[in-house]
Amino acid sequence: MVLFLSEQEVEKKIKELQVACEDLRKEITQRQAESKNLKEDLESKKREMLADKKTFDEANEEKERLKVNNHTTTPSPYPPTGWIEE
């Protein structure tokens, strides 16, 4: 089966395809920009999480250091071994 299209129909079809291609180009550009923004947001969140983890780890280290210092500097309520009361 052979189809013959008039020159006007061919021109019309070409215009439609050009418009569709341009719409797809715009959509691709928009999605690439969205993808770039999401990647940047993700990297920012990763950096923020690493900073929070560092702060958390430092706070835990300080807590442990203070806990150890507290045990060594707080006098015991009990007398030392071998201590004689007068």
C-alpha atoms as a PDB file:
ATOM      1  CA  MET A   1       0.000   0.000   0.000  1.00  0.00           C
ATOM      2  CA  VAL A   2       1.496   3.273  -1.050  1.00  0.00           C
ATOM      3  CA  LEU A   3       0.454   6.484   0.643  1.00  0.00           C
ATOM      4  CA  PHE A   4       0.853   9.781  -1.011  1.00  0.00           C
ATOM      5  CA  LEU A   5       0.643  12.894   1.041  1.00  0.00           C
ATOM      6  CA  SER A   6       0.175  16.296  -0.365  1.00  0.00           C
ATOM      7  CA  GLU A   7       2.954  18.812   0.086  1.00  0.00           C
ATOM      8  CA  GLN A   8       0.771  20.738   2.566  1.00  0.00           C
ATOM      9  CA  GLU A   9       0.202  17.607   4.652  1.00  0.00           C
ATOM     10  CA  VAL A  10       3.925  16.894   4.702  1.00  0.00           C
ATOM     11  CA  GLU A  11       4.688  20.489   5.738  1.00  0.00           C
ATOM     12  CA  LYS A  12       2.042  20.295   8.454  1.00  0.00           C
ATOM     13  CA  LYS A  13       3.497  17.024   9.755  1.00  0.00           C
ATOM     14  CA  ILE A  14       7.027  18.503   9.735  1.00  0.00           C
ATOM     15  CA  LYS A  15       5.831  21.514  11.778  1.00  0.00           C
ATOM     16  CA  GLU A  16       4.104  19.227  14.284  1.00  0.00           C
ATOM     17  CA  LEU A  17       7.272  17.152  14.684  1.00  0.00           C
ATOM     18  CA  GLN A  18       9.424  20.267  15.085  1.00  0.00           C
ATOM     19  CA  VAL A  19       7.118  21.565  17.805  1.00  0.00           C
ATOM     20  CA  ALA A  20       7.154  18.172  19.540  1.00  0.00           C
ATOM     21  CA  CYS A  21      10.985  18.084  19.353  1.00  0.00           C
ATOM     22  CA  GLU A  22      11.254  21.577  20.807  1.00  0.00           C
ATOM     23  CA  ASP A  23       8.882  20.634  23.645  1.00  0.00           C
ATOM     24  CA  LEU A  24      11.021  17.569  24.388  1.00  0.00           C
ATOM     25  CA  ARG A  25      14.208  19.673  24.381  1.00  0.00           C
ATOM     26  CA  LYS A  26      12.640  22.056  26.895  1.00  0.00           C
ATOM     27  CA  GLU A  27      11.493  19.170  29.089  1.00  0.00           C
ATOM     28  CA  ILE A  28      14.948  17.575  28.966  1.00  0.00           C
ATOM     29  CA  THR A  29      16.599  20.864  29.945  1.00  0.00           C
ATOM     30  CA  GLN A  30      14.140  21.299  32.819  1.00  0.00           C
ATOM     31  CA  ARG A  31      14.688  17.760  34.095  1.00  0.00           C
ATOM     32  CA  GLN A  32      18.456  18.131  33.876  1.00  0.00           C
ATOM     33  CA  ALA A  33      18.222  21.294  35.970  1.00  0.00           C
ATOM     34  CA  GLU A  34      15.999  19.511  38.499  1.00  0.00           C
ATOM     35  CA  SER A  35      18.442  16.598  38.634  1.00  0.00           C
ATOM     36  CA  LYS A  36      21.372  18.972  39.195  1.00  0.00           C
ATOM     37  CA  ASN A  37      19.485  20.743  41.998  1.00  0.00           C
ATOM     38  CA  LEU A  38      18.629  17.436  43.671  1.00  0.00           C
ATOM     39  CA  LYS A  39      22.267  16.321  43.507  1.00  0.00           C
ATOM     40  CA  GLU A  40      23.388  19.616  45.049  1.00  0.00           C
ATOM     41  CA  ASP A  41      20.758  19.283  47.800  1.00  0.00           C
ATOM     42  CA  LEU A  42      21.899  15.731  48.490  1.00  0.00           C
ATOM     43  CA  GLU A  43      25.540  16.770  48.749  1.00  0.00           C
ATOM     44  CA  SER A  44      24.580  19.606  51.077  1.00  0.00           C
ATOM     45  CA  LYS A  45      22.628  17.215  53.314  1.00  0.00           C
ATOM     46  CA  LYS A  46      25.560  14.793  53.358  1.00  0.00           C
ATOM     47  CA  ARG A  47      27.930  17.567  54.456  1.00  0.00           C
ATOM     48  CA  GLU A  48      25.419  18.650  57.105  1.00  0.00           C
ATOM     49  CA  MET A  49      25.088  15.075  58.381  1.00  0.00           C
ATOM     50  CA  LEU A  50      28.867  14.680  58.568  1.00  0.00           C
ATOM     51  CA  ALA A  51      29.165  17.919  60.519  1.00  0.00           C
ATOM     52  CA  ASP A  52      26.376  16.794  62.885  1.00  0.00           C
ATOM     53  CA  LYS A  53      28.060  13.406  63.345  1.00  0.00           C
ATOM     54  CA  LYS A  54      31.381  15.092  64.122  1.00  0.00           C
ATOM     55  CA  THR A  55      29.689  17.341  66.694  1.00  0.00           C
ATOM     56  CA  PHE A  56      27.891  14.336  68.194  1.00  0.00           C
ATOM     57  CA  ASP A  57      31.106  12.299  68.399  1.00  0.00           C
ATOM     58  CA  GLU A  58      32.968  15.203  69.998  1.00  0.00           C
ATOM     59  CA  ALA A  59      30.173  15.656  72.540  1.00  0.00           C
ATOM     60  CA  ASN A  60      30.263  11.950  73.385  1.00  0.00           C
ATOM     61  CA  GLU A  61      34.032  12.064  73.800  1.00  0.00           C
ATOM     62  CA  GLU A  62      33.701  15.068  76.119  1.00  0.00           C
ATOM     63  CA  LYS A  63      30.973  13.291  78.076  1.00  0.00           C
ATOM     64  CA  GLU A  64      33.173  10.219  78.519  1.00  0.00           C
ATOM     65  CA  ARG A  65      36.156  12.380  79.493  1.00  0.00           C
ATOM     66  CA  LEU A  66      34.053  14.194  82.094  1.00  0.00           C
ATOM     67  CA  LYS A  67      32.672  10.917  83.361  1.00  0.00           C
ATOM     68  CA  VAL A  68      36.218   9.560  83.842  1.00  0.00           C
ATOM     69  CA  ASN A  69      37.357  12.822  85.490  1.00  0.00           C
ATOM     70  CA  ASN A  70      34.347  12.773  87.774  1.00  0.00           C
ATOM     71  CA  HIS A  71      35.201   9.268  88.969  1.00  0.00           C
ATOM     72  CA  THR A  72      38.816  10.202  89.694  1.00  0.00           C
ATOM     73  CA  THR A  73      38.168  13.566  91.375  1.00  0.00           C
ATOM     74  CA  THR A  74      34.989  12.897  93.341  1.00  0.00           C
ATOM     75  CA  PRO A  75      35.832  11.699  96.848  1.00  0.00           C
ATOM     76  CA  SER A  76      34.345   8.440  97.865  1.00  0.00           C
ATOM     77  CA  PRO A  77      31.787   8.604 100.674  1.00  0.00           C
ATOM     78  CA  TYR A  78      33.604   5.665 102.231  1.00  0.00           C
ATOM     79  CA  PRO A  79      36.902   6.019 104.073  1.00  0.00           C
ATOM     80  CA  PRO A  80      39.989   4.632 102.328  1.00  0.00           C
ATOM     81  CA  THR A  81      41.058   1.135 103.198  1.00  0.00           C
ATOM     82  CA  GLY A  82      43.185   0.997 106.324  1.00  0.00           C
ATOM     83  CA  TRP A  83      41.926   4.330 107.613  1.00  0.00           C
ATOM     84  CA  ILE A  84      41.482   4.477 111.371  1.00  0.00           C
ATOM     85  CA  GLU A  85      38.994   6.807 112.994  1.00  0.00           C
ATOM     86  CA  GLU A  86      40.069   8.463 116.193  1.00  0.00           C
END
